């Protein structure tokens, strides 16, 4: 039996505890998301820093589980009720503009020999970190305002579309081209819909509902176990279909979101899932990202280091400019805030660059520059967006029609 060392994992666990404590207590870190501190700490203790920790088997496996859980929770946050009517049209139109701008940036970067696949860069630039955007909107008290609804819808469409495009064109699972991947994506969607329908029908039966309620808060934690089976099942299914496992994780979260619409009988279920994810495996993923970050190669190449601000500007251009479409509704100031939030991205960048390196479409140095730009976006953009959201707002027309001022009071 192969012996697995837990020495490195112990340091990773200590970082996972120390990062949020530092953010909560150190004045200079209070406005920085804990995930950034986790990644920076991973860089510091990893091969590019002090060399205390290597990304060994235990860390790598838990890191993959953490990534799957992160996408699972992102799918669980998908609010299908928001994605309809004018909101969906605005978000969809914004993402189409994002892709167009991304392809232009990708073509320029390809012509300059910065990347080998302009399309991969376009897809990488097109995503938004929904899990980082929602807390900022909640802190500013505008989650249920027009700017909040549009920003969340835009981030949701971007996350879902970017994952689908990545699986469609850049799957490492061995599918035979985009056409075959499209068929497999349709099959995965149909299976997801069938599972959602079956579980919804099963959950409405009196006997099953009573059984779930009886076991949900015991050591059985039956709802959490069902969720884990759903996650592992769809990840396994996506892998066997030759699709990216992150797509399976996202679909699993979406299915659970559809099934679990009425949480009155189990109000703590989603909190338990978040406890498993954010309390255990997701921090391992972010620290492992820092461990694998090629800082020395980035710092050793002036041209590579210069790409970081260029990629940061590209994020702002590709995802920020389309938010100007929101200006007639929410005003220019809040449209700018929405653009900054939509340009905030990191988890998808980490995933896409890892796939790009594996497929030899990105060099490790370029991948490190993209991840560094993603880190900078998480640090800078939400801070500026929060200041704009808390400032005086323009007068805009709500999505439904009549003009009114948009509420921005952080205490609402």
Protein backbone atom coordinates (compact mmCIF):
# COMPACT_ATOMS: atom_id res chain seq x y z
CA UNK A 1 0.00 0.00 0.00
CA UNK A 2 1.35 3.40 -0.99
CA UNK A 3 2.04 5.58 2.02
CA UNK A 4 0.45 9.02 1.88
CA UNK A 5 2.04 11.85 3.83
CA UNK A 6 -0.15 14.40 5.58
CA UNK A 7 2.67 16.78 6.54
CA UNK A 8 1.99 19.18 3.70
CA UNK A 9 -1.76 18.94 4.21
CA UNK A 10 -1.30 19.98 7.82
CA UNK A 11 0.37 23.23 6.71
CA UNK A 12 -2.40 23.76 4.15
CA UNK A 13 -5.01 23.28 6.89
CA UNK A 14 -3.22 25.80 9.12
CA UNK A 15 -3.25 28.32 6.25
CA UNK A 16 -6.97 27.68 5.74
CA UNK A 17 -7.57 28.64 9.37
CA UNK A 18 -5.13 31.55 9.46
CA UNK A 19 -6.29 33.28 6.25
CA UNK A 20 -9.82 34.28 7.33
CA UNK A 21 -8.55 35.16 10.82
CA UNK A 22 -5.96 37.48 9.30
CA UNK A 23 -8.53 39.08 7.00
CA UNK A 24 -10.87 39.64 9.96
CA UNK A 25 -8.27 41.11 12.33
CA UNK A 26 -5.47 42.75 10.32
CA UNK A 27 -6.59 46.25 9.24
CA UNK A 28 -4.70 46.18 5.96
CA UNK A 29 -6.29 42.89 4.89
CA UNK A 30 -9.92 43.47 5.81
CA UNK A 31 -11.03 44.38 2.31
CA UNK A 32 -9.14 41.54 0.62
CA UNK A 33 -11.02 38.25 0.03
CA UNK A 34 -9.63 35.37 2.09
CA UNK A 35 -9.08 33.30 -1.07
CA UNK A 36 -6.40 35.77 -2.16
CA UNK A 37 -4.58 35.37 1.15
CA UNK A 38 -4.86 31.59 0.80
CA UNK A 39 -3.31 31.63 -2.67
CA UNK A 40 -0.55 34.06 -1.64
CA UNK A 41 0.22 31.90 1.40
CA UNK A 42 0.36 28.86 -0.86
CA UNK A 43 2.90 30.64 -3.05
CA UNK A 44 4.95 31.57 0.05
CA UNK A 45 5.17 28.03 1.46
CA UNK A 46 5.33 26.26 -1.89
CA UNK A 47 8.19 25.49 -4.29
CA UNK A 48 8.30 29.10 -5.52
CA UNK A 49 8.68 30.40 -1.93
CA UNK A 50 10.20 28.73 1.11
CA UNK A 51 9.74 25.25 -0.31
CA UNK A 52 8.06 23.87 2.80
CA UNK A 53 5.18 22.17 0.94
CA UNK A 54 4.95 20.22 -2.30
CA UNK A 55 1.58 19.57 -4.01
CA UNK A 56 1.61 15.86 -3.09
CA UNK A 57 -1.10 13.22 -3.50
CA UNK A 58 -3.21 14.21 -0.49
CA UNK A 59 -3.20 17.91 -1.40
CA UNK A 60 -3.80 17.26 -5.11
CA UNK A 61 -6.77 14.95 -4.54
CA UNK A 62 -8.44 17.22 -1.98
CA UNK A 63 -7.71 20.20 -4.23
CA UNK A 64 -9.60 18.53 -7.10
CA UNK A 65 -12.48 17.77 -4.76
CA UNK A 66 -12.39 21.40 -3.63
CA UNK A 67 -12.64 22.65 -7.21
CA UNK A 68 -15.57 20.32 -7.87
CA UNK A 69 -17.30 21.51 -4.68
CA UNK A 70 -16.71 25.16 -5.63
CA UNK A 71 -18.43 24.66 -8.99
CA UNK A 72 -21.14 22.58 -7.30
CA UNK A 73 -21.95 25.45 -4.93
CA UNK A 74 -21.85 27.88 -7.88
CA UNK A 75 -24.48 25.78 -9.62
CA UNK A 76 -26.47 25.71 -6.40
CA UNK A 77 -26.50 29.54 -6.42
CA UNK A 78 -27.92 29.63 -9.95
CA UNK A 79 -31.22 31.47 -9.64
CA UNK A 80 -33.23 30.48 -12.69
CA UNK A 81 -36.09 32.75 -11.62
CA UNK A 82 -33.85 35.78 -12.20
CA UNK A 83 -32.84 34.63 -15.68
CA UNK A 84 -35.88 35.60 -17.67
CA UNK A 85 -37.35 38.51 -19.57
CA UNK A 86 -35.39 41.77 -19.80
CA UNK A 87 -32.80 40.60 -17.27
CA UNK A 88 -31.92 37.55 -19.36
CA UNK A 89 -31.82 39.62 -22.54
CA UNK A 90 -29.45 42.15 -20.95
CA UNK A 91 -27.21 39.45 -19.49
CA UNK A 92 -27.21 37.42 -22.71
CA UNK A 93 -26.52 40.45 -24.88
CA UNK A 94 -23.72 41.48 -22.56
CA UNK A 95 -22.11 38.05 -22.79
CA UNK A 96 -22.29 38.05 -26.59
CA UNK A 97 -20.49 41.39 -26.56
CA UNK A 98 -18.01 39.91 -24.08
CA UNK A 99 -17.23 37.04 -26.45
CA UNK A 100 -16.79 39.43 -29.38
CA UNK A 101 -14.38 41.60 -27.39
CA UNK A 102 -12.62 38.50 -26.08
CA UNK A 103 -12.06 37.19 -29.60
CA UNK A 104 -10.59 40.54 -30.62
CA UNK A 105 -8.23 40.54 -27.63
CA UNK A 106 -7.40 36.89 -28.29
CA UNK A 107 -6.60 37.61 -31.93
CA UNK A 108 -4.30 40.48 -30.95
CA UNK A 109 -2.58 38.33 -28.31
CA UNK A 110 -2.21 35.48 -30.82
CA UNK A 111 -0.73 37.78 -33.44
CA UNK A 112 1.75 39.03 -30.83
CA UNK A 113 2.64 35.39 -30.02
CA UNK A 114 1.48 35.80 -26.41
CA UNK A 115 -0.93 32.84 -26.60
CA UNK A 116 -1.25 29.86 -28.90
CA UNK A 117 -5.06 29.74 -28.83
CA UNK A 118 -6.94 33.05 -29.17
CA UNK A 119 -10.23 31.23 -28.50
CA UNK A 120 -8.99 29.80 -25.21
CA UNK A 121 -7.92 33.27 -24.08
CA UNK A 122 -11.32 34.68 -25.12
CA UNK A 123 -13.15 32.03 -23.09
CA UNK A 124 -10.82 32.54 -20.11
CA UNK A 125 -11.42 36.29 -20.13
CA UNK A 126 -15.20 35.87 -20.40
CA UNK A 127 -15.93 34.36 -16.97
CA UNK A 128 -16.99 36.09 -13.76
CA UNK A 129 -16.56 34.76 -10.22
CA UNK A 130 -20.16 34.60 -9.00
CA UNK A 131 -19.02 33.41 -5.58
CA UNK A 132 -16.94 36.57 -5.10
CA UNK A 133 -19.44 39.00 -6.65
CA UNK A 134 -22.49 38.12 -4.54
CA UNK A 135 -20.85 38.95 -1.16
CA UNK A 136 -19.86 42.42 -2.44
CA UNK A 137 -23.42 43.11 -3.54
CA UNK A 138 -24.73 41.91 -0.18
CA UNK A 139 -22.27 44.15 1.68
CA UNK A 140 -23.46 47.16 -0.30
CA UNK A 141 -27.14 46.34 0.23
CA UNK A 142 -28.07 46.28 -3.46
CA UNK A 143 -28.61 42.56 -4.05
CA UNK A 144 -32.32 43.04 -4.79
CA UNK A 145 -31.95 46.32 -6.70
CA UNK A 146 -31.74 46.59 -10.50
CA UNK A 147 -27.95 46.77 -10.47
CA UNK A 148 -27.80 43.73 -8.19
CA UNK A 149 -30.15 41.68 -10.35
CA UNK A 150 -28.36 42.61 -13.57
CA UNK A 151 -24.91 41.96 -12.15
CA UNK A 152 -25.87 38.59 -10.68
CA UNK A 153 -27.60 37.60 -13.91
CA UNK A 154 -24.60 38.69 -15.96
CA UNK A 155 -22.22 36.75 -13.71
CA UNK A 156 -24.46 33.67 -13.82
CA UNK A 157 -24.67 33.66 -17.61
CA UNK A 158 -20.92 34.24 -17.88
CA UNK A 159 -20.06 31.42 -15.46
CA UNK A 160 -22.37 28.92 -17.13
CA UNK A 161 -21.44 29.86 -20.70
CA UNK A 162 -17.70 29.90 -20.00
CA UNK A 163 -17.83 26.42 -18.44
CA UNK A 164 -19.84 25.09 -21.38
CA UNK A 165 -17.48 26.65 -23.95
CA UNK A 166 -14.43 25.34 -22.13
CA UNK A 167 -15.91 21.82 -22.11
CA UNK A 168 -17.02 22.14 -25.73
CA UNK A 169 -13.73 23.27 -27.28
CA UNK A 170 -10.99 22.43 -24.78
CA UNK A 171 -11.97 19.24 -23.01
CA UNK A 172 -9.10 17.10 -21.77
CA UNK A 173 -11.39 14.09 -21.62
CA UNK A 174 -10.69 12.93 -25.15
CA UNK A 175 -13.99 13.71 -26.94
CA UNK A 176 -13.81 13.77 -30.75
CA UNK A 177 -14.10 17.47 -31.52
CA UNK A 178 -16.65 20.21 -30.81
CA UNK A 179 -19.50 18.50 -32.68
CA UNK A 180 -19.20 15.33 -30.60
CA UNK A 181 -18.79 17.43 -27.44
CA UNK A 182 -21.98 19.33 -28.29
CA UNK A 183 -23.92 16.06 -28.55
CA UNK A 184 -22.45 14.90 -25.24
CA UNK A 185 -23.32 18.24 -23.63
CA UNK A 186 -26.91 17.80 -24.79
CA UNK A 187 -26.93 14.28 -23.36
CA UNK A 188 -25.59 15.55 -20.02
CA UNK A 189 -28.26 18.27 -19.95
CA UNK A 190 -31.02 15.74 -20.68
CA UNK A 191 -29.75 13.43 -17.96
CA UNK A 192 -29.62 16.37 -15.57
CA UNK A 193 -33.22 17.29 -16.39
CA UNK A 194 -34.31 13.66 -15.97
CA UNK A 195 -32.58 13.34 -12.60
CA UNK A 196 -34.09 16.64 -11.44
CA UNK A 197 -37.56 15.52 -12.47
CA UNK A 198 -37.15 12.13 -10.82
CA UNK A 199 -35.83 13.53 -7.56
CA UNK A 200 -38.53 16.21 -7.46
CA UNK A 201 -41.22 13.58 -7.86
CA UNK A 202 -39.58 11.30 -5.28
CA UNK A 203 -39.27 14.15 -2.78
CA UNK A 204 -42.99 14.91 -2.94
CA UNK A 205 -43.99 11.47 -1.72
CA UNK A 206 -45.12 11.60 1.90
CA UNK A 207 -43.07 8.64 3.05
CA UNK A 208 -39.79 9.82 1.52
CA UNK A 209 -40.22 13.38 2.79
CA UNK A 210 -40.90 12.12 6.31
CA UNK A 211 -37.87 9.82 6.14
CA UNK A 212 -35.60 12.64 4.97
CA UNK A 213 -36.82 14.93 7.76
CA UNK A 214 -36.26 12.19 10.34
CA UNK A 215 -32.66 11.53 9.20
CA UNK A 216 -31.50 14.97 8.07
CA UNK A 217 -30.23 16.22 11.44
CA UNK A 218 -28.92 12.91 12.78
CA UNK A 219 -25.50 11.39 12.21
CA UNK A 220 -26.92 10.08 8.93
CA UNK A 221 -27.05 13.68 7.52
CA UNK A 222 -29.03 12.09 4.72
CA UNK A 223 -29.57 15.24 2.62
CA UNK A 224 -25.86 16.04 2.64
CA UNK A 225 -25.09 12.46 1.60
CA UNK A 226 -27.59 12.67 -1.23
CA UNK A 227 -25.91 15.91 -2.37
CA UNK A 228 -22.48 14.26 -2.32
CA UNK A 229 -23.79 11.32 -4.38
CA UNK A 230 -25.26 13.80 -6.86
CA UNK A 231 -21.95 15.69 -7.09
CA UNK A 232 -19.77 12.61 -7.49
CA UNK A 233 -22.27 11.02 -9.86
CA UNK A 234 -22.34 13.93 -12.31
CA UNK A 235 -18.57 14.46 -12.09
CA UNK A 236 -18.09 10.78 -12.92
CA UNK A 237 -20.66 10.98 -15.71
CA UNK A 238 -18.98 14.03 -17.25
CA UNK A 239 -15.62 12.27 -17.08
CA UNK A 240 -16.95 9.15 -18.84
CA UNK A 241 -18.59 11.31 -21.51
CA UNK A 242 -15.24 12.97 -22.22
CA UNK A 243 -16.35 16.35 -20.83
CA UNK A 244 -14.68 18.50 -18.20
CA UNK A 245 -15.49 17.36 -14.68
CA UNK A 246 -16.16 20.96 -13.61
CA UNK A 247 -19.17 20.96 -15.93
CA UNK A 248 -20.51 17.86 -14.18
CA UNK A 249 -20.06 19.56 -10.81
CA UNK A 250 -21.88 22.68 -12.00
CA UNK A 251 -24.75 20.62 -13.45
CA UNK A 252 -25.04 18.70 -10.16
CA UNK A 253 -25.41 21.98 -8.27
CA UNK A 254 -28.01 23.21 -10.74
CA UNK A 255 -30.00 19.98 -10.43
CA UNK A 256 -29.96 20.23 -6.64
CA UNK A 257 -31.05 23.86 -6.85
CA UNK A 258 -34.07 22.85 -8.94
CA UNK A 259 -34.98 20.00 -6.63
CA UNK A 260 -34.44 21.93 -3.40
CA UNK A 261 -36.63 24.98 -4.01
CA UNK A 262 -38.65 24.65 -0.80
CA UNK A 263 -36.24 24.60 2.14
CA UNK A 264 -38.81 25.29 4.88
CA UNK A 265 -38.46 21.76 6.29
CA UNK A 266 -34.64 21.81 6.18
CA UNK A 267 -33.39 25.40 6.58
CA UNK A 268 -29.84 24.37 7.51
CA UNK A 269 -29.19 22.06 4.55
CA UNK A 270 -27.36 24.53 2.34
CA UNK A 271 -25.42 25.88 5.29
CA UNK A 272 -24.17 22.35 5.91
CA UNK A 273 -23.05 22.02 2.28
CA UNK A 274 -21.24 25.36 2.51
CA UNK A 275 -19.61 24.19 5.73
CA UNK A 276 -18.24 21.10 3.99
CA UNK A 277 -17.07 23.12 0.99
CA UNK A 278 -15.79 26.38 2.43
CA UNK A 279 -14.76 24.82 5.72
CA UNK A 280 -12.69 21.99 4.28
CA UNK A 281 -12.01 21.20 0.63
CA UNK A 282 -12.36 24.57 -1.15
CA UNK A 283 -9.55 26.25 0.87
CA UNK A 284 -7.32 23.30 -0.05
CA UNK A 285 -7.99 24.06 -3.73
CA UNK A 286 -6.99 27.72 -3.37
CA UNK A 287 -3.86 26.99 -1.33
CA UNK A 288 -2.93 24.27 -3.84
CA UNK A 289 -3.32 26.87 -6.58
CA UNK A 290 -0.65 28.93 -4.84
CA UNK A 291 1.59 25.89 -4.43
CA UNK A 292 1.46 25.29 -8.18
CA UNK A 293 1.93 28.96 -9.10
CA UNK A 294 5.14 29.46 -11.11
CA UNK A 295 6.23 32.72 -9.49
CA UNK A 296 9.93 32.32 -10.29
CA UNK A 297 9.29 31.95 -14.00
CA UNK A 298 7.01 34.98 -13.92
CA UNK A 299 9.49 37.16 -12.05
CA UNK A 300 12.39 35.86 -14.13
CA UNK A 301 10.90 37.17 -17.37
CA UNK A 302 10.28 40.94 -17.67
CA UNK A 303 8.09 40.38 -20.73
CA UNK A 304 5.98 37.84 -18.85
CA UNK A 305 5.65 40.14 -15.84
CA UNK A 306 4.53 42.93 -18.15
CA UNK A 307 1.64 40.74 -19.31
CA UNK A 308 0.00 40.87 -15.88
CA UNK A 309 -1.32 44.46 -16.13
CA UNK A 310 -2.20 43.84 -19.78
CA UNK A 311 -4.28 40.81 -18.87
CA UNK A 312 -5.87 42.77 -16.01
CA UNK A 313 -6.84 45.47 -18.49
CA UNK A 314 -8.16 42.76 -20.81
CA UNK A 315 -10.43 41.42 -18.03
CA UNK A 316 -11.78 44.91 -17.50
CA UNK A 317 -12.30 45.49 -21.21
CA UNK A 318 -13.90 42.16 -22.04
CA UNK A 319 -16.20 41.86 -19.02
CA UNK A 320 -16.45 45.49 -17.90
CA UNK A 321 -17.38 47.28 -21.12
CA UNK A 322 -20.54 45.18 -21.76
CA UNK A 323 -21.91 46.39 -18.41
CA UNK A 324 -22.36 49.81 -20.03
CA UNK A 325 -25.50 48.26 -21.53
CA UNK A 326 -26.95 48.53 -18.02
CA UNK A 327 -26.48 52.32 -17.88
CA UNK A 328 -29.98 53.25 -19.17
CA UNK A 329 -31.44 51.21 -16.31
CA UNK A 330 -29.11 51.85 -13.37
CA UNK A 331 -27.11 54.93 -14.39
CA UNK A 332 -23.46 55.23 -15.41
CA UNK A 333 -21.96 55.08 -11.93
CA UNK A 334 -23.61 51.81 -11.00
CA UNK A 335 -23.05 50.40 -14.49
CA UNK A 336 -19.34 51.03 -13.91
CA UNK A 337 -19.59 49.20 -10.58
CA UNK A 338 -21.33 46.29 -12.31
CA UNK A 339 -18.56 46.22 -14.92
CA UNK A 340 -15.87 46.04 -12.27
CA UNK A 341 -17.67 43.20 -10.50
CA UNK A 342 -18.18 41.31 -13.75
CA UNK A 343 -14.44 41.65 -14.42
CA UNK A 344 -13.66 40.00 -11.06
CA UNK A 345 -12.55 36.45 -11.74
CA UNK A 346 -10.19 33.82 -10.37
CA UNK A 347 -11.41 30.21 -9.94
CA UNK A 348 -12.29 29.79 -13.62
CA UNK A 349 -8.99 31.37 -14.68
CA UNK A 350 -7.11 28.84 -12.56
CA UNK A 351 -9.05 25.98 -14.14
CA UNK A 352 -8.85 27.24 -17.72
CA UNK A 353 -5.11 27.95 -17.55
CA UNK A 354 -4.44 24.49 -16.09
CA UNK A 355 -6.32 22.97 -19.03
CA UNK A 356 -4.48 25.26 -21.45
CA UNK A 357 -1.09 24.15 -20.11
CA UNK A 358 -2.16 20.47 -20.21
CA UNK A 359 -3.22 20.85 -23.88
CA UNK A 360 -0.04 22.83 -24.70
CA UNK A 361 -2.13 25.86 -25.68
CA UNK A 362 -0.61 28.08 -22.97
CA UNK A 363 2.93 28.25 -21.67
CA UNK A 364 3.30 27.94 -17.88
CA UNK A 365 4.58 31.53 -17.75
CA UNK A 366 1.55 32.90 -19.62
CA UNK A 367 -0.73 30.83 -17.38
CA UNK A 368 0.98 32.30 -14.31
CA UNK A 369 0.51 35.82 -15.70
CA UNK A 370 -3.21 35.18 -16.23
CA UNK A 371 -3.63 33.81 -12.71
CA UNK A 372 -1.71 36.81 -11.32
CA UNK A 373 -4.06 39.14 -13.22
CA UNK A 374 -7.02 37.22 -11.79
CA UNK A 375 -5.59 37.69 -8.30
CA UNK A 376 -5.23 41.42 -8.94
CA UNK A 377 -8.82 41.63 -10.20
CA UNK A 378 -10.09 40.04 -6.98
CA UNK A 379 -8.11 42.53 -4.88
CA UNK A 380 -8.74 45.74 -6.83
CA UNK A 381 -12.06 45.58 -8.68
CA UNK A 382 -14.46 44.77 -5.79
CA UNK A 383 -12.96 47.56 -3.66
CA UNK A 384 -13.57 50.17 -6.36
CA UNK A 385 -17.01 48.71 -7.15
CA UNK A 386 -18.00 48.87 -3.49
CA UNK A 387 -17.01 52.54 -3.33
CA UNK A 388 -19.11 53.28 -6.42
CA UNK A 389 -22.12 51.37 -5.11
CA UNK A 390 -22.02 53.26 -1.81
CA UNK A 391 -21.73 56.62 -3.53
CA UNK A 392 -24.57 58.77 -4.92
CA UNK A 393 -26.43 56.98 -7.69
CA UNK A 394 -27.66 58.20 -11.04
CA UNK A 395 -31.34 58.09 -11.84
CA UNK A 396 -32.22 55.11 -13.97
CA UNK A 397 -35.25 53.36 -15.38
CA UNK A 398 -36.04 50.05 -13.69
CA UNK A 399 -36.08 46.93 -15.79
CA UNK A 400 -39.85 46.95 -15.89
CA UNK A 401 -40.30 50.47 -17.21
CA UNK A 402 -40.83 53.64 -15.09
CA UNK A 403 -37.86 55.75 -14.05
CA UNK A 404 -36.84 55.89 -10.41
CA UNK A 405 -33.65 56.34 -8.37
CA UNK A 406 -31.78 53.12 -7.66
CA UNK A 407 -31.33 52.36 -3.95
CA UNK A 408 -27.70 52.11 -2.93
CA UNK A 409 -27.83 52.57 0.82
CA UNK A 410 -25.60 49.89 2.32
CA UNK A 411 -27.91 49.61 5.31
CA UNK A 412 -30.97 48.63 3.27
